[in-house]
Amino acid sequence: MAQPGMLGELFRDEGILQPIVFRKFHAPSTSMNIKQNWECISWSIEEWSKHFSDEPLKVRMGLRTSASSGPQWESRCVTSFLTFEELSKWDEVITHRKATNGETITSLSHWAYFDYVHLKEQKKLEFLKECISWEKFGYKGRGADESTVWIGTKGAHTPCHIDTYGCNLVTQVLGAKKWTLFPPQQSECLYPTRIPYEESSIYSQIDFKNVDINRFPKIQNSTPFVVTLNPGDVLFVPKHWWHFVETEQFSISVNSWIELPSDTKDQLKEALVLQQIGSVCQAVSSADKLTKILNPNMLYIVTLTSEELFAIVSQRIAALKNKHHSSTGFDHTMEPSETSGSKPDLSLSLPYTVLKSIPFQDFLLTSQLRGSLDGGNLASHHPPSTPEESETVEELLIRSLSDQRVIDVATDVLMENLRTLHNRVL
């Protein structure tokens, strides 16, 4: 029987190929004399407020109801500052707040999200350092410095995407959060895009708050995995699984992305994507175009020179060469497959649930989406749209050159040439 400490090895070897949930994995101690990891799970809202005091938090705000058929990208959101107490009560009272762009925001129209916050970069969150530990999963010494916190009001969410590196461990600390996941084999159904570009994230063009079936018909062929996390639950998300995550009530969660051996190859792929997009952006002078092409945290790439872009790719190639030289040479079979691999014995000595998929039609019926059934066929809330007609040449180039199929082929050819060169040297 596998012990909890062995889970880290299973995750590292990519032996678990679908999401699993450990219910009440971090159960708070009943003893008042025992100081333990994840004791924050037992804290009340009032205790959290005391820890945060009146420190202002920069939050992202998005529309609760959007007339657009596209996701609420970060560039479409506004930002403002709230204290933790204000954030925790955002859904309870009607509140008005000035956004940093001068717009007046109300709690009736917008959700708020203090999201993607790296704990090691936030002095205001040092009180969490002793609470967070991933040692139960076999990661000794892995704690707050390797973790990220997400605090959101009801309806707060990020667009559906995959993380190109690592697998993901998520602990629900407070409230409830709903995860909708899709396997990597169904990527075609999710309509991947690198616009807006963010390093290590591939987004879906589908807005899962407002699904447009006419525009994205292939989504009907998908089979999502859906789970709601409650305090103490831990979700394992395998590498390259799509996920749309939404808070169902005021929520606090903490995650850690676990590095995997196959990341080295994916880092090269991401460098190739950066090189392609950075090169195109060098020819773009319009700020509006750049804001559409790039996620706000990636605007810096317009300052990178051709030499700097090339240096990033060269560094990734060197890392890949060093990895293979220190192992078995350029063996193209060494990267784990997303569709194969041994399935480990999951008779773990702890409570867990292997998630099961459901038909997309059932997902729509059980979710608070605007999709509807019309004579047995899924109908769109919006009339058919043709966004490609308004797409600029720059966007068309980026979508084509950074398409995952193109990057996969380019990487395979590059590695084949490296293997040939390696064999010649030997």
Protein backbone atom coordinates (compact mmCIF):
# COMPACT_ATOMS: atom_id res chain seq x y z
CA MET A 1 0.00 0.00 0.00
CA ALA A 2 1.41 3.38 -1.00
CA GLN A 3 2.09 5.82 1.83
CA PRO A 4 1.38 9.58 1.63
CA GLY A 5 5.10 10.36 1.38
CA MET A 6 5.30 8.30 -1.81
CA LEU A 7 2.82 10.56 -3.59
CA GLY A 8 5.58 13.01 -4.51
CA GLU A 9 7.38 10.26 -6.44
CA LEU A 10 4.18 9.37 -8.32
CA PHE A 11 3.61 13.03 -9.22
CA ARG A 12 7.25 13.54 -10.25
CA ASP A 13 7.23 10.48 -12.51
CA GLU A 14 3.91 11.59 -14.04
CA GLY A 15 2.43 8.25 -13.07
CA ILE A 16 -0.96 9.67 -12.12
CA LEU A 17 -2.70 10.67 -15.32
CA GLN A 18 -5.96 12.18 -14.12
CA PRO A 19 -7.06 14.52 -11.34
CA ILE A 20 -7.55 13.16 -7.85
CA VAL A 21 -8.99 14.80 -4.74
CA PHE A 22 -7.93 14.16 -1.17
CA ARG A 23 -10.95 15.11 0.92
CA LYS A 24 -10.23 16.70 4.31
CA PHE A 25 -6.54 15.92 3.80
CA HIS A 26 -5.59 18.85 6.03
CA ALA A 27 -8.06 18.37 8.86
CA PRO A 28 -7.55 20.88 11.70
CA SER A 29 -6.43 19.39 14.99
CA THR A 30 -8.97 19.06 17.79
CA SER A 31 -6.25 19.67 20.35
CA MET A 32 -5.64 23.27 21.37
CA ASN A 33 -2.08 22.38 22.40
CA ILE A 34 -0.89 21.10 19.02
CA LYS A 35 0.61 23.60 16.57
CA GLN A 36 0.38 22.10 13.10
CA ASN A 37 0.73 22.85 9.43
CA TRP A 38 -2.32 24.31 7.72
CA GLU A 39 -3.77 25.51 11.01
CA CYS A 40 -5.07 28.48 8.97
CA ILE A 41 -7.83 26.16 7.73
CA SER A 42 -9.45 26.47 11.15
CA TRP A 43 -9.23 30.29 11.26
CA SER A 44 -12.39 32.36 11.16
CA ILE A 45 -12.83 35.39 8.89
CA GLU A 46 -12.19 37.59 11.92
CA GLU A 47 -8.85 35.86 12.58
CA TRP A 48 -7.82 36.30 8.96
CA SER A 49 -8.73 39.99 9.16
CA LYS A 50 -6.53 40.44 12.24
CA HIS A 51 -3.57 38.88 10.44
CA PHE A 52 -4.01 41.14 7.41
CA SER A 53 -4.87 44.22 9.54
CA ASP A 54 -5.70 47.23 7.32
CA GLU A 55 -3.05 46.49 4.70
CA PRO A 56 -4.44 47.43 1.24
CA LEU A 57 -4.51 44.58 -1.28
CA LYS A 58 -4.36 45.19 -5.01
CA VAL A 59 -7.29 43.25 -6.48
CA ARG A 60 -8.42 42.45 -10.00
CA MET A 61 -12.09 43.15 -10.70
CA GLY A 62 -14.23 41.65 -13.45
CA LEU A 63 -17.87 41.85 -14.48
CA ARG A 64 -20.29 39.45 -12.85
CA THR A 65 -22.32 39.47 -16.09
CA SER A 66 -20.58 40.21 -19.36
CA ALA A 67 -22.22 40.85 -22.72
CA SER A 68 -19.04 39.82 -24.49
CA SER A 69 -18.66 36.33 -25.95
CA GLY A 70 -14.97 36.25 -25.05
CA PRO A 71 -13.21 35.49 -21.76
CA GLN A 72 -12.54 38.29 -19.30
CA TRP A 73 -8.84 38.59 -20.00
CA GLU A 74 -6.77 40.41 -17.42
CA SER A 75 -6.52 43.40 -19.77
CA ARG A 76 -10.34 43.65 -19.74
CA CYS A 77 -10.48 43.78 -15.96
CA VAL A 78 -9.85 46.79 -13.72
CA THR A 79 -7.82 47.02 -10.54
CA SER A 80 -8.46 48.63 -7.19
CA PHE A 81 -7.38 48.36 -3.56
CA LEU A 82 -9.33 46.69 -0.75
CA THR A 83 -8.46 45.61 2.75
CA PHE A 84 -8.99 41.95 3.54
CA GLU A 85 -12.08 42.81 5.60
CA GLU A 86 -13.54 44.79 2.70
CA LEU A 87 -12.76 41.95 0.33
CA SER A 88 -14.37 39.36 2.60
CA LYS A 89 -17.56 41.43 2.86
CA TRP A 90 -17.69 42.41 -0.83
CA ASP A 91 -20.60 40.03 -1.52
CA GLU A 92 -22.53 40.93 1.62
CA VAL A 93 -23.10 44.66 1.23
CA ILE A 94 -23.43 47.04 -1.70
CA THR A 95 -20.07 48.74 -1.96
CA HIS A 96 -18.70 51.42 -4.30
CA ARG A 97 -15.02 51.68 -5.09
CA LYS A 98 -12.87 53.75 -7.43
CA ALA A 99 -10.75 51.66 -9.76
CA THR A 100 -7.20 52.74 -10.56
CA ASN A 101 -8.43 53.94 -13.98
CA GLY A 102 -10.98 56.24 -12.33
CA GLU A 103 -14.00 54.07 -13.07
CA THR A 104 -16.57 53.62 -10.30
CA ILE A 105 -17.03 49.94 -9.43
CA THR A 106 -19.81 48.40 -7.37
CA SER A 107 -20.05 45.04 -5.67
CA LEU A 108 -23.29 44.42 -7.58
CA SER A 109 -21.55 44.57 -10.96
CA HIS A 110 -18.06 43.23 -10.23
CA TRP A 111 -16.28 40.42 -8.43
CA ALA A 112 -12.86 40.97 -6.84
CA TYR A 113 -9.77 38.73 -6.82
CA PHE A 114 -6.47 38.99 -4.95
CA ASP A 115 -4.93 36.35 -7.17
CA TYR A 116 -1.69 34.74 -8.29
CA VAL A 117 0.17 36.12 -5.28
CA HIS A 118 3.57 34.51 -4.63
CA LEU A 119 3.93 34.27 -0.86
CA LYS A 120 7.70 34.73 -0.83
CA GLU A 121 7.27 38.16 -2.45
CA GLN A 122 4.69 39.43 0.06
CA LYS A 123 5.85 40.63 3.47
CA LYS A 124 2.23 41.17 4.44
CA LEU A 125 1.71 37.41 4.16
CA GLU A 126 4.64 36.28 6.32
CA PHE A 127 2.15 35.09 8.95
CA LEU A 128 1.38 32.16 6.60
CA LYS A 129 4.95 30.87 6.44
CA GLU A 130 4.57 28.52 9.40
CA CYS A 131 1.14 27.31 8.27
CA ILE A 132 1.92 25.97 4.81
CA SER A 133 3.77 22.74 4.15
CA TRP A 134 3.62 20.13 1.38
CA GLU A 135 5.70 17.56 3.28
CA LYS A 136 2.78 15.14 3.58
CA PHE A 137 3.15 14.61 -0.15
CA GLY A 138 6.84 13.80 0.16
CA TYR A 139 8.18 17.29 -0.60
CA LYS A 140 10.38 17.95 2.41
CA GLY A 141 11.06 21.62 2.95
CA ARG A 142 8.48 22.72 0.40
CA GLY A 143 6.32 25.39 1.99
CA ALA A 144 5.10 28.95 1.68
CA ASP A 145 8.05 30.18 -0.41
CA GLU A 146 7.04 27.73 -3.14
CA SER A 147 3.34 28.54 -2.89
CA THR A 148 0.82 31.00 -4.28
CA VAL A 149 -2.34 32.33 -2.64
CA TRP A 150 -5.71 33.13 -4.26
CA ILE A 151 -8.39 35.11 -2.39
CA GLY A 152 -11.60 35.88 -4.22
CA THR A 153 -15.24 36.87 -3.86
CA LYS A 154 -18.10 34.86 -5.33
CA GLY A 155 -17.77 34.62 -9.12
CA ALA A 156 -14.08 35.50 -9.24
CA HIS A 157 -12.29 33.41 -11.86
CA THR A 158 -9.47 33.14 -14.36
CA PRO A 159 -10.00 32.19 -18.03
CA CYS A 160 -9.68 28.50 -18.86
CA HIS A 161 -6.05 27.57 -19.54
CA ILE A 162 -3.28 25.03 -19.13
CA ASP A 163 0.04 25.51 -17.35
CA THR A 164 2.85 24.42 -19.62
CA TYR A 165 5.15 23.49 -16.71
CA GLY A 166 4.74 21.08 -13.83
CA CYS A 167 1.77 19.56 -12.08
CA ASN A 168 -0.32 21.38 -9.51
CA LEU A 169 -1.29 20.77 -5.89
CA VAL A 170 -4.11 22.96 -4.55
CA THR A 171 -5.35 23.21 -0.97
CA GLN A 172 -8.71 24.82 -0.28
CA VAL A 173 -8.34 26.83 2.91
CA LEU A 174 -11.61 28.73 3.22
CA GLY A 175 -14.92 28.75 1.35
CA ALA A 176 -15.63 26.78 -1.81
CA LYS A 177 -14.11 26.78 -5.28
CA LYS A 178 -15.33 24.93 -8.35
CA TRP A 179 -12.82 23.35 -10.74
CA THR A 180 -13.77 22.31 -14.28
CA LEU A 181 -10.97 20.29 -15.92
CA PHE A 182 -10.39 18.82 -19.37
CA PRO A 183 -7.70 16.28 -20.36
CA PRO A 184 -4.90 17.34 -22.73
CA GLN A 185 -6.21 14.92 -25.36
CA GLN A 186 -9.24 17.22 -25.77
CA SER A 187 -7.21 20.37 -26.45
CA GLU A 188 -8.76 20.75 -29.92
CA CYS A 189 -12.17 21.10 -28.26
CA LEU A 190 -10.89 24.00 -26.14
CA TYR A 191 -9.72 26.20 -29.06
CA PRO A 192 -6.22 27.03 -27.71
CA THR A 193 -4.73 30.49 -28.23
CA ARG A 194 -1.54 32.34 -27.31
CA ILE A 195 -3.35 35.68 -27.50
CA PRO A 196 -3.16 37.20 -24.99
CA TYR A 197 0.35 35.88 -24.54
CA GLU A 198 1.54 34.89 -21.09
CA GLU A 199 4.64 32.79 -20.58
CA SER A 200 3.77 29.25 -19.42
CA SER A 201 0.00 29.66 -19.99
CA ILE A 202 -2.04 28.55 -22.99
CA TYR A 203 -5.56 29.95 -22.89
CA SER A 204 -8.85 28.70 -24.28
CA GLN A 205 -10.82 31.13 -26.45
CA ILE A 206 -14.03 29.95 -24.76
CA ASP A 207 -15.68 32.01 -22.04
CA PHE A 208 -17.00 29.38 -19.65
CA LYS A 209 -19.22 31.96 -18.00
CA ASN A 210 -20.98 32.51 -21.31
CA VAL A 211 -20.42 29.58 -23.65
CA ASP A 212 -20.95 30.37 -27.33
CA ILE A 213 -21.68 27.00 -28.95
CA ASN A 214 -22.15 28.47 -32.42
CA ARG A 215 -18.68 29.93 -32.38
CA PHE A 216 -17.01 26.97 -30.63
CA PRO A 217 -18.98 23.85 -31.65
CA LYS A 218 -16.19 21.36 -30.87
CA ILE A 219 -16.59 22.01 -27.14
CA GLN A 220 -19.67 19.77 -27.30
CA ASN A 221 -17.33 16.81 -27.87
CA SER A 222 -15.49 17.39 -24.60
CA THR A 223 -16.01 15.48 -21.35
CA PRO A 224 -15.18 17.76 -18.41
CA PHE A 225 -14.22 16.67 -14.92
CA VAL A 226 -15.95 18.83 -12.30
CA VAL A 227 -15.23 19.09 -8.59
CA THR A 228 -15.95 21.59 -5.82
CA LEU A 229 -13.25 21.94 -3.17
CA ASN A 230 -14.06 22.68 0.46
CA PRO A 231 -11.73 23.58 3.36
CA GLY A 232 -9.07 20.91 3.91
CA ASP A 233 -9.47 19.36 0.45
CA VAL A 234 -6.42 18.97 -1.79
CA LEU A 235 -6.67 18.64 -5.58
CA PHE A 236 -3.92 17.14 -7.73
CA VAL A 237 -3.94 18.51 -11.30
CA PRO A 238 -1.72 16.53 -13.72
CA LYS A 239 0.47 18.31 -16.22
CA HIS A 240 -1.21 19.99 -19.20
CA TRP A 241 -4.77 19.58 -17.94
CA TRP A 242 -7.09 22.42 -18.89
CA HIS A 243 -8.86 24.10 -15.98
CA PHE A 244 -11.46 26.79 -15.44
CA VAL A 245 -11.69 27.76 -11.77
CA GLU A 246 -14.41 29.85 -10.15
CA THR A 247 -15.13 30.76 -6.53
CA GLU A 248 -18.61 29.72 -5.38
CA GLN A 249 -18.37 31.79 -2.19
CA PHE A 250 -15.65 33.92 -0.60
CA SER A 251 -12.63 31.70 -0.96
CA ILE A 252 -8.99 31.32 0.02
CA SER A 253 -6.84 28.67 -1.63
CA VAL A 254 -3.12 27.96 -1.81
CA ASN A 255 -1.31 26.06 -4.55
CA SER A 256 2.16 24.90 -5.45
CA TRP A 257 3.37 24.05 -8.95
CA ILE A 258 5.59 20.96 -8.74
CA GLU A 259 8.56 20.83 -11.11
CA LEU A 260 8.77 17.77 -13.40
CA PRO A 261 11.61 16.23 -15.43
CA SER A 262 9.72 16.92 -18.68
CA ASP A 263 9.66 20.66 -17.95
CA THR A 264 13.05 21.18 -19.60
CA LYS A 265 11.62 20.36 -23.02
CA ASP A 266 8.55 22.50 -22.38
CA GLN A 267 10.76 25.41 -21.35
CA LEU A 268 12.42 25.19 -24.75
CA LYS A 269 8.99 25.23 -26.40
CA GLU A 270 8.05 28.32 -24.41
CA ALA A 271 11.30 30.02 -25.44
CA LEU A 272 10.45 29.34 -29.09
CA VAL A 273 6.99 30.85 -28.56
CA LEU A 274 8.53 33.90 -26.90
CA GLN A 275 10.96 34.29 -29.79
CA GLN A 276 8.14 34.20 -32.33
CA ILE A 277 5.82 36.58 -30.48
CA GLY A 278 8.62 38.93 -29.41
CA SER A 279 9.80 39.21 -33.02
CA VAL A 280 6.31 40.11 -34.26
CA CYS A 281 5.80 42.64 -31.46
CA GLN A 282 8.97 44.48 -32.50
CA ALA A 283 7.05 45.55 -35.61
CA VAL A 284 3.96 46.71 -33.67
CA SER A 285 3.85 50.40 -32.74
CA SER A 286 0.22 50.59 -31.64
CA ALA A 287 -0.25 50.43 -27.85
CA ASP A 288 -3.82 49.17 -28.34
CA LYS A 289 -2.59 46.27 -30.47
CA LEU A 290 0.10 45.36 -27.93
CA THR A 291 -2.43 45.45 -25.09
CA LYS A 292 -4.57 42.96 -27.00
CA ILE A 293 -1.66 40.68 -27.93
CA LEU A 294 0.13 40.62 -24.56
CA ASN A 295 -1.05 39.96 -21.03
CA PRO A 296 -0.27 43.01 -18.83
CA ASN A 297 2.58 41.21 -17.05
CA MET A 298 4.24 40.45 -20.41
CA LEU A 299 4.37 43.96 -21.91
CA TYR A 300 8.08 44.11 -21.09
CA ILE A 301 8.91 41.82 -24.02
CA VAL A 302 8.48 44.73 -26.47
CA THR A 303 11.76 46.06 -25.04
CA LEU A 304 13.69 42.86 -25.78
CA THR A 305 16.09 43.01 -28.71
CA SER A 306 16.51 40.24 -31.29
CA GLU A 307 19.78 39.33 -29.61
CA GLU A 308 18.08 39.00 -26.21
CA LEU A 309 15.31 36.84 -27.63
CA PHE A 310 17.88 34.60 -29.30
CA ALA A 311 19.87 34.37 -26.04
CA ILE A 312 16.77 33.06 -24.20
CA VAL A 313 16.32 30.28 -26.78
CA SER A 314 20.04 29.47 -26.64
CA GLN A 315 19.88 29.13 -22.85
CA ARG A 316 16.98 26.68 -23.11
CA ILE A 317 18.81 24.62 -25.73
CA ALA A 318 21.88 24.52 -23.50
CA ALA A 319 19.75 23.37 -20.54
CA LEU A 320 18.25 20.59 -22.65
CA LYS A 321 21.69 19.48 -23.85
CA ASN A 322 23.05 19.43 -20.30
CA LYS A 323 20.09 17.38 -19.09
CA HIS A 324 20.49 14.77 -21.80
CA HIS A 325 24.28 14.63 -21.50
CA SER A 326 23.91 13.90 -17.79
CA SER A 327 21.41 11.10 -18.42
CA THR A 328 21.21 8.78 -21.41
CA GLY A 329 22.01 10.99 -24.35
CA PHE A 330 19.39 12.38 -26.73
CA ASP A 331 16.77 9.71 -26.27
CA HIS A 332 13.50 11.07 -27.64
CA THR A 333 11.55 8.46 -25.70
CA MET A 334 12.51 9.80 -22.29
CA GLU A 335 9.72 12.40 -22.08
CA PRO A 336 6.56 11.04 -20.41
CA SER A 337 3.51 10.73 -22.62
CA GLU A 338 0.20 12.38 -21.84
CA THR A 339 -1.71 9.40 -23.19
CA SER A 340 0.35 6.52 -21.87
CA GLY A 341 2.29 5.46 -18.83
CA SER A 342 1.89 3.04 -16.00
CA LYS A 343 -1.06 3.62 -13.74
CA PRO A 344 0.08 3.41 -10.11
CA ASP A 345 -1.59 1.56 -7.31
CA LEU A 346 -3.85 4.22 -5.82
CA SER A 347 -4.84 2.15 -2.80
CA LEU A 348 -3.45 4.97 -0.69
CA SER A 349 -3.67 5.00 3.08
CA LEU A 350 -5.68 8.24 3.01
CA PRO A 351 -9.06 9.34 1.62
CA TYR A 352 -9.02 10.18 -2.08
CA THR A 353 -11.37 10.41 -5.02
CA VAL A 354 -10.47 9.81 -8.66
CA LEU A 355 -12.52 12.31 -10.64
CA LYS A 356 -14.85 11.04 -13.36
CA SER A 357 -15.84 12.84 -16.54
CA ILE A 358 -19.34 13.85 -17.61
CA PRO A 359 -20.79 14.70 -21.05
CA PHE A 360 -20.57 18.39 -21.87
CA GLN A 361 -24.35 18.61 -22.22
CA ASP A 362 -24.70 17.43 -18.61
CA PHE A 363 -22.08 19.97 -17.57
CA LEU A 364 -24.12 22.78 -19.11
CA LEU A 365 -27.31 21.60 -17.47
CA THR A 366 -25.72 21.41 -14.02
CA SER A 367 -23.74 24.66 -14.27
CA GLN A 368 -24.91 28.24 -14.01
CA LEU A 369 -24.09 28.96 -17.64
CA ARG A 370 -26.13 30.70 -20.31
CA GLY A 371 -26.07 27.74 -22.63
CA SER A 372 -29.53 26.32 -23.25
CA LEU A 373 -31.14 23.32 -24.91
CA ASP A 374 -33.13 23.98 -28.07
CA GLY A 375 -34.80 20.91 -29.45
CA GLY A 376 -32.01 18.72 -28.11
CA ASN A 377 -29.28 20.93 -29.62
CA LEU A 378 -27.11 23.31 -27.66
CA ALA A 379 -27.83 26.91 -28.60
CA SER A 380 -25.65 29.96 -28.15
CA HIS A 381 -26.65 33.03 -26.18
CA HIS A 382 -25.04 35.09 -28.93
CA PRO A 383 -25.55 35.07 -32.71
CA PRO A 384 -22.75 33.43 -34.72
CA SER A 385 -19.66 35.63 -34.80
CA THR A 386 -16.66 35.76 -37.09
CA PRO A 387 -13.86 37.38 -35.07
CA GLU A 388 -11.29 36.29 -37.64
CA GLU A 389 -12.50 39.03 -40.02
CA SER A 390 -11.33 41.74 -37.63
CA GLU A 391 -8.05 40.02 -36.78
CA THR A 392 -4.92 41.97 -37.62
CA VAL A 393 -2.04 40.56 -39.62
CA GLU A 394 0.07 40.59 -36.46
CA GLU A 395 -2.48 38.50 -34.57
CA LEU A 396 -2.84 36.10 -37.48
CA LEU A 397 0.94 35.61 -37.59
CA ILE A 398 1.15 35.04 -33.84
CA ARG A 399 -1.74 32.55 -33.80
CA SER A 400 -0.12 30.62 -36.66
CA LEU A 401 3.55 30.69 -35.62
CA SER A 402 2.85 30.02 -31.94
CA ASP A 403 0.30 27.28 -32.57
CA GLN A 404 1.23 24.31 -30.40
CA ARG A 405 1.34 22.01 -33.42
CA VAL A 406 3.95 24.25 -35.06
CA ILE A 407 5.99 24.55 -31.86
CA ASP A 408 5.86 20.78 -31.27
CA VAL A 409 7.18 20.05 -34.76
CA ALA A 410 9.89 22.73 -34.49
CA THR A 411 11.01 21.32 -31.13
CA ASP A 412 11.10 17.75 -32.43
CA VAL A 413 13.15 18.78 -35.46
CA LEU A 414 15.50 20.79 -33.27
CA MET A 415 15.99 17.84 -30.92
CA GLU A 416 16.54 15.49 -33.85
CA ASN A 417 19.30 17.78 -35.11
CA LEU A 418 20.82 17.90 -31.62
CA ARG A 419 20.80 14.10 -31.47
CA THR A 420 22.51 13.92 -34.86
CA LEU A 421 25.16 16.39 -33.73
CA HIS A 422 25.62 14.50 -30.45
CA ASN A 423 26.14 11.19 -32.29
CA ARG A 424 28.68 12.77 -34.63
CA VAL A 425 30.71 14.03 -31.69
CA LEU A 426 30.69 10.55 -30.18
